[in-house]
């Protein structure tokens, strides 16, 4: 255990600092996952390319 974490007050301060950081990290992961789910799949892109749309999804 490092010198700073041996002191109860320091541990509490570190825990207080870590909580919003971990919350922000979780929110960032969820945002990235949501964005990835909105992206076309490789199969969808291949279909669009085969249809001659240049890989751009149609609005059908």
PDB file of N, CA and C in Angstrom:
ATOM      1  N   UNK A   1       0.849  -1.160   0.000  1.00  0.00           N
ATOM      2  CA  UNK A   1       0.000   0.000   0.000  1.00  0.00           C
ATOM      3  C   UNK A   1       0.905   1.236   0.000  1.00  0.00           C
ATOM      4  N   UNK A   2       0.569   2.207  -0.840  1.00  0.00           N
ATOM      5  CA  UNK A   2       1.421   3.388  -0.909  1.00  0.00           C
ATOM      6  C   UNK A   2       1.249   4.257   0.331  1.00  0.00           C
ATOM      7  N   UNK A   3       2.165   5.149   0.513  1.00  0.00           N
ATOM      8  CA  UNK A   3       2.153   6.034   1.685  1.00  0.00           C
ATOM      9  C   UNK A   3       0.867   6.848   1.766  1.00  0.00           C
ATOM     10  N   UNK A   4       0.384   7.333   0.638  1.00  0.00           N
ATOM     11  CA  UNK A   4      -0.797   8.200   0.647  1.00  0.00           C
ATOM     12  C   UNK A   4      -2.070   7.437   1.014  1.00  0.00           C
ATOM     13  N   UNK A   5      -2.174   6.185   0.630  1.00  0.00           N
ATOM     14  CA  UNK A   5      -3.399   5.439   0.915  1.00  0.00           C
ATOM     15  C   UNK A   5      -3.433   4.860   2.324  1.00  0.00           C
ATOM     16  N   UNK A   6      -2.377   5.019   3.082  1.00  0.00           N
ATOM     17  CA  UNK A   6      -2.357   4.543   4.473  1.00  0.00           C
ATOM     18  C   UNK A   6      -3.152   5.466   5.388  1.00  0.00           C
ATOM     19  N   UNK A   7      -3.341   6.697   4.976  1.00  0.00           N
ATOM     20  CA  UNK A   7      -4.039   7.670   5.794  1.00  0.00           C
ATOM     21  C   UNK A   7      -5.519   7.667   5.431  1.00  0.00           C
ATOM     22  N   UNK A   8      -6.349   7.534   6.442  1.00  0.00           N
ATOM     23  CA  UNK A   8      -7.803   7.416   6.243  1.00  0.00           C
ATOM     24  C   UNK A   8      -8.360   8.609   5.471  1.00  0.00           C
ATOM     25  N   UNK A   9      -7.937   9.811   5.824  1.00  0.00           N
ATOM     26  CA  UNK A   9      -8.419  11.019   5.151  1.00  0.00           C
ATOM     27  C   UNK A   9      -8.077  11.024   3.677  1.00  0.00           C
ATOM     28  N   UNK A  10      -6.875  10.589   3.358  1.00  0.00           N
ATOM     29  CA  UNK A  10      -6.453  10.541   1.958  1.00  0.00           C
ATOM     30  C   UNK A  10      -7.261   9.518   1.180  1.00  0.00           C
ATOM     31  N   UNK A  11      -7.546   8.390   1.817  1.00  0.00           N
ATOM     32  CA  UNK A  11      -8.362   7.372   1.144  1.00  0.00           C
ATOM     33  C   UNK A  11      -9.749   7.903   0.830  1.00  0.00           C
ATOM     34  N   UNK A  12     -10.310   8.661   1.745  1.00  0.00           N
ATOM     35  CA  UNK A  12     -11.637   9.227   1.514  1.00  0.00           C
ATOM     36  C   UNK A  12     -11.609  10.249   0.385  1.00  0.00           C
ATOM     37  N   UNK A  13     -10.580  11.071   0.358  1.00  0.00           N
ATOM     38  CA  UNK A  13     -10.443  12.059  -0.719  1.00  0.00           C
ATOM     39  C   UNK A  13     -10.292  11.351  -2.058  1.00  0.00           C
ATOM     40  N   UNK A  14      -9.448  10.328  -2.095  1.00  0.00           N
ATOM     41  CA  UNK A  14      -9.253   9.586  -3.340  1.00  0.00           C
ATOM     42  C   UNK A  14     -10.547   8.915  -3.800  1.00  0.00           C
ATOM     43  N   UNK A  15     -11.305   8.353  -2.868  1.00  0.00           N
ATOM     44  CA  UNK A  15     -12.578   7.719  -3.209  1.00  0.00           C
ATOM     45  C   UNK A  15     -13.554   8.752  -3.762  1.00  0.00           C
ATOM     46  N   UNK A  16     -13.553   9.936  -3.164  1.00  0.00           N
ATOM     47  CA  UNK A  16     -14.423  11.015  -3.631  1.00  0.00           C
ATOM     48  C   UNK A  16     -14.045  11.458  -5.039  1.00  0.00           C
ATOM     49  N   UNK A  17     -12.769  11.515  -5.321  1.00  0.00           N
ATOM     50  CA  UNK A  17     -12.291  11.910  -6.651  1.00  0.00           C
ATOM     51  C   UNK A  17     -12.585  10.810  -7.675  1.00  0.00           C
ATOM     52  N   UNK A  18     -12.412   9.565  -7.277  1.00  0.00           N
ATOM     53  CA  UNK A  18     -12.587   8.451  -8.206  1.00  0.00           C
ATOM     54  C   UNK A  18     -14.025   8.271  -8.660  1.00  0.00           C
ATOM     55  N   UNK A  19     -14.986   8.546  -7.791  1.00  0.00           N
ATOM     56  CA  UNK A  19     -16.385   8.289  -8.127  1.00  0.00           C
ATOM     57  C   UNK A  19     -16.841   9.046  -9.380  1.00  0.00           C
ATOM     58  N   UNK A  20     -16.653  10.363  -9.490  1.00  0.00           N
ATOM     59  CA  UNK A  20     -17.104  11.046 -10.710  1.00  0.00           C
ATOM     60  C   UNK A  20     -16.310  10.627 -11.948  1.00  0.00           C
ATOM     61  N   UNK A  21     -15.056  10.261 -11.746  1.00  0.00           N
ATOM     62  CA  UNK A  21     -14.256   9.789 -12.880  1.00  0.00           C
ATOM     63  C   UNK A  21     -14.831   8.476 -13.405  1.00  0.00           C
ATOM     64  N   UNK A  22     -15.133   7.555 -12.511  1.00  0.00           N
ATOM     65  CA  UNK A  22     -15.694   6.269 -12.924  1.00  0.00           C
ATOM     66  C   UNK A  22     -17.069   6.447 -13.555  1.00  0.00           C
ATOM     67  N   UNK A  23     -17.866   7.378 -13.024  1.00  0.00           N
ATOM     68  CA  UNK A  23     -19.180   7.661 -13.607  1.00  0.00           C
ATOM     69  C   UNK A  23     -19.021   8.203 -15.024  1.00  0.00           C
ATOM     70  N   UNK A  24     -18.084   9.109 -15.210  1.00  0.00           N
ATOM     71  CA  UNK A  24     -17.827   9.673 -16.539  1.00  0.00           C
ATOM     72  C   UNK A  24     -17.346   8.608 -17.512  1.00  0.00           C
ATOM     73  N   UNK A  25     -16.494   7.725 -17.037  1.00  0.00           N
ATOM     74  CA  UNK A  25     -16.008   6.640 -17.895  1.00  0.00           C
ATOM     75  C   UNK A  25     -17.156   5.744 -18.325  1.00  0.00           C
ATOM     76  N   UNK A  26     -18.045   5.431 -17.411  1.00  0.00           N
ATOM     77  CA  UNK A  26     -19.196   4.582 -17.735  1.00  0.00           C
ATOM     78  C   UNK A  26     -20.096   5.262 -18.757  1.00  0.00           C
ATOM     79  N   UNK A  27     -20.342   6.549 -18.560  1.00  0.00           N
ATOM     80  CA  UNK A  27     -21.174   7.295 -19.513  1.00  0.00           C
ATOM     81  C   UNK A  27     -20.535   7.327 -20.890  1.00  0.00           C
ATOM     82  N   UNK A  28     -19.224   7.498 -20.937  1.00  0.00           N
ATOM     83  CA  UNK A  28     -18.514   7.526 -22.218  1.00  0.00           C
ATOM     84  C   UNK A  28     -18.628   6.184 -22.926  1.00  0.00           C
ATOM     85  N   UNK A  29     -18.485   5.103 -22.192  1.00  0.00           N
ATOM     86  CA  UNK A  29     -18.607   3.764 -22.784  1.00  0.00           C
ATOM     87  C   UNK A  29     -20.010   3.562 -23.344  1.00  0.00           C
ATOM     88  N   UNK A  30     -21.020   3.960 -22.585  1.00  0.00           N
ATOM     89  CA  UNK A  30     -22.401   3.813 -23.055  1.00  0.00           C
ATOM     90  C   UNK A  30     -22.655   4.659 -24.297  1.00  0.00           C
ATOM     91  N   UNK A  31     -22.106   5.865 -24.350  1.00  0.00           N
ATOM     92  CA  UNK A  31     -22.286   6.726 -25.515  1.00  0.00           C
ATOM     93  C   UNK A  31     -21.618   6.137 -26.752  1.00  0.00           C
ATOM     94  N   UNK A  32     -20.425   5.613 -26.583  1.00  0.00           N
ATOM     95  CA  UNK A  32     -19.714   4.983 -27.711  1.00  0.00           C
ATOM     96  C   UNK A  32     -20.480   3.759 -28.194  1.00  0.00           C
ATOM     97  N   UNK A  33     -20.945   2.933 -27.266  1.00  0.00           N
ATOM     98  CA  UNK A  33     -21.708   1.742 -27.655  1.00  0.00           C
ATOM     99  C   UNK A  33     -22.974   2.125 -28.394  1.00  0.00           C
ATOM    100  N   UNK A  34     -23.681   3.146 -27.937  1.00  0.00           N
ATOM    101  CA  UNK A  34     -24.909   3.586 -28.611  1.00  0.00           C
ATOM    102  C   UNK A  34     -24.591   4.068 -30.022  1.00  0.00           C
ATOM    103  N   UNK A  35     -23.501   4.789 -30.172  1.00  0.00           N
ATOM    104  CA  UNK A  35     -23.110   5.273 -31.498  1.00  0.00           C
ATOM    105  C   UNK A  35     -22.741   4.112 -32.415  1.00  0.00           C
ATOM    106  N   UNK A  36     -22.035   3.141 -31.885  1.00  0.00           N
ATOM    107  CA  UNK A  36     -21.659   1.985 -32.698  1.00  0.00           C
ATOM    108  C   UNK A  36     -22.880   1.191 -33.152  1.00  0.00           C
ATOM    109  N   UNK A  37     -23.887   1.115 -32.314  1.00  0.00           N
ATOM    110  CA  UNK A  37     -25.110   0.392 -32.680  1.00  0.00           C
ATOM    111  C   UNK A  37     -25.866   1.087 -33.800  1.00  0.00           C
ATOM    112  N   UNK A  38     -25.651   2.389 -33.980  1.00  0.00           N
ATOM    113  CA  UNK A  38     -26.328   3.138 -35.040  1.00  0.00           C
ATOM    114  C   UNK A  38     -25.588   3.092 -36.368  1.00  0.00           C
ATOM    115  N   UNK A  39     -24.418   2.481 -36.396  1.00  0.00           N
ATOM    116  CA  UNK A  39     -23.625   2.402 -37.615  1.00  0.00           C
ATOM    117  C   UNK A  39     -24.072   1.202 -38.456  1.00  0.00           C
ATOM    118  N   UNK A  40     -23.986   1.341 -39.778  1.00  0.00           N
ATOM    119  CA  UNK A  40     -24.349   0.193 -40.622  1.00  0.00           C
ATOM    120  C   UNK A  40     -23.353  -0.956 -40.439  1.00  0.00           C
ATOM    121  N   UNK A  41     -23.855  -2.156 -40.583  1.00  0.00           N
ATOM    122  CA  UNK A  41     -22.993  -3.325 -40.471  1.00  0.00           C
ATOM    123  C   UNK A  41     -22.241  -3.541 -41.783  1.00  0.00           C
ATOM    124  N   UNK A  42     -21.234  -4.375 -41.752  1.00  0.00           N
ATOM    125  CA  UNK A  42     -20.476  -4.698 -42.963  1.00  0.00           C
ATOM    126  C   UNK A  42     -21.411  -5.298 -44.005  1.00  0.00           C
ATOM    127  N   UNK A  43     -22.323  -6.163 -43.572  1.00  0.00           N
ATOM    128  CA  UNK A  43     -23.263  -6.786 -44.504  1.00  0.00           C
ATOM    129  C   UNK A  43     -24.149  -5.736 -45.170  1.00  0.00           C
ATOM    130  N   UNK A  44     -24.613  -4.762 -44.402  1.00  0.00           N
ATOM    131  CA  UNK A  44     -25.452  -3.699 -44.971  1.00  0.00           C
ATOM    132  C   UNK A  44     -24.677  -2.856 -45.974  1.00  0.00           C
ATOM    133  N   UNK A  45     -23.430  -2.564 -45.674  1.00  0.00           N
ATOM    134  CA  UNK A  45     -22.593  -1.791 -46.593  1.00  0.00           C
ATOM    135  C   UNK A  45     -22.363  -2.577 -47.882  1.00  0.00           C
ATOM    136  N   UNK A  46     -22.105  -3.883 -47.764  1.00  0.00           N
ATOM    137  CA  UNK A  46     -21.903  -4.714 -48.954  1.00  0.00           C
ATOM    138  C   UNK A  46     -23.149  -4.717 -49.836  1.00  0.00           C
ATOM    139  N   UNK A  47     -24.317  -4.781 -49.227  1.00  0.00           N
ATOM    140  CA  UNK A  47     -25.567  -4.757 -49.995  1.00  0.00           C
ATOM    141  C   UNK A  47     -25.704  -3.426 -50.720  1.00  0.00           C
ATOM    142  N   UNK A  48     -25.443  -2.344 -50.032  1.00  0.00           N
ATOM    143  CA  UNK A  48     -25.537  -1.024 -50.654  1.00  0.00           C
ATOM    144  C   UNK A  48     -24.530  -0.885 -51.795  1.00  0.00           C
ATOM    145  N   UNK A  49     -23.328  -1.405 -51.606  1.00  0.00           N
ATOM    146  CA  UNK A  49     -22.323  -1.361 -52.674  1.00  0.00           C
ATOM    147  C   UNK A  49     -22.776  -2.192 -53.869  1.00  0.00           C
ATOM    148  N   UNK A  50     -23.347  -3.352 -53.609  1.00  0.00           N
ATOM    149  CA  UNK A  50     -23.825  -4.222 -54.686  1.00  0.00           C
ATOM    150  C   UNK A  50     -24.964  -3.568 -55.462  1.00  0.00           C
ATOM    151  N   UNK A  51     -25.736  -2.728 -54.785  1.00  0.00           N
ATOM    152  CA  UNK A  51     -26.858  -2.036 -55.430  1.00  0.00           C
ATOM    153  C   UNK A  51     -26.409  -0.771 -56.161  1.00  0.00           C
ATOM    154  N   UNK A  52     -25.131  -0.466 -56.069  1.00  0.00           N
ATOM    155  CA  UNK A  52     -24.583   0.681 -56.779  1.00  0.00           C
ATOM    156  C   UNK A  52     -24.778   2.000 -56.064  1.00  0.00           C
ATOM    157  N   UNK A  53     -24.974   1.971 -54.774  1.00  0.00           N
ATOM    158  CA  UNK A  53     -25.189   3.217 -54.035  1.00  0.00           C
ATOM    159  C   UNK A  53     -23.894   3.753 -53.403  1.00  0.00           C
ATOM    160  N   UNK A  54     -22.795   3.183 -53.715  1.00  0.00           N
ATOM    161  CA  UNK A  54     -21.524   3.647 -53.181  1.00  0.00           C
ATOM    162  C   UNK A  54     -21.369   3.464 -51.683  1.00  0.00           C
ATOM    163  N   UNK A  55     -22.127   2.543 -51.123  1.00  0.00           N
ATOM    164  CA  UNK A  55     -22.027   2.280 -49.692  1.00  0.00           C
ATOM    165  C   UNK A  55     -22.842   3.231 -48.845  1.00  0.00           C
ATOM    166  N   UNK A  56     -23.600   4.112 -49.498  1.00  0.00           N
ATOM    167  CA  UNK A  56     -24.440   5.042 -48.752  1.00  0.00           C
ATOM    168  C   UNK A  56     -25.824   4.434 -48.604  1.00  0.00           C
ATOM    169  N   UNK A  57     -26.277   4.236 -47.367  1.00  0.00           N
ATOM    170  CA  UNK A  57     -27.586   3.618 -47.166  1.00  0.00           C
ATOM    171  C   UNK A  57     -28.698   4.456 -47.793  1.00  0.00           C
ATOM    172  N   UNK A  58     -29.611   3.787 -48.427  1.00  0.00           N
ATOM    173  CA  UNK A  58     -30.752   4.487 -49.015  1.00  0.00           C
ATOM    174  C   UNK A  58     -31.762   4.797 -47.917  1.00  0.00           C
ATOM    175  N   UNK A  59     -32.682   5.664 -48.218  1.00  0.00           N
ATOM    176  CA  UNK A  59     -33.700   6.071 -47.246  1.00  0.00           C
ATOM    177  C   UNK A  59     -34.967   5.246 -47.360  1.00  0.00           C
ATOM    178  N   UNK A  60     -34.857   4.081 -47.935  1.00  0.00           N
ATOM    179  CA  UNK A  60     -36.046   3.220 -48.119  1.00  0.00           C
ATOM    180  C   UNK A  60     -36.556   2.703 -46.804  1.00  0.00           C
TER     181      UNK A  60
END
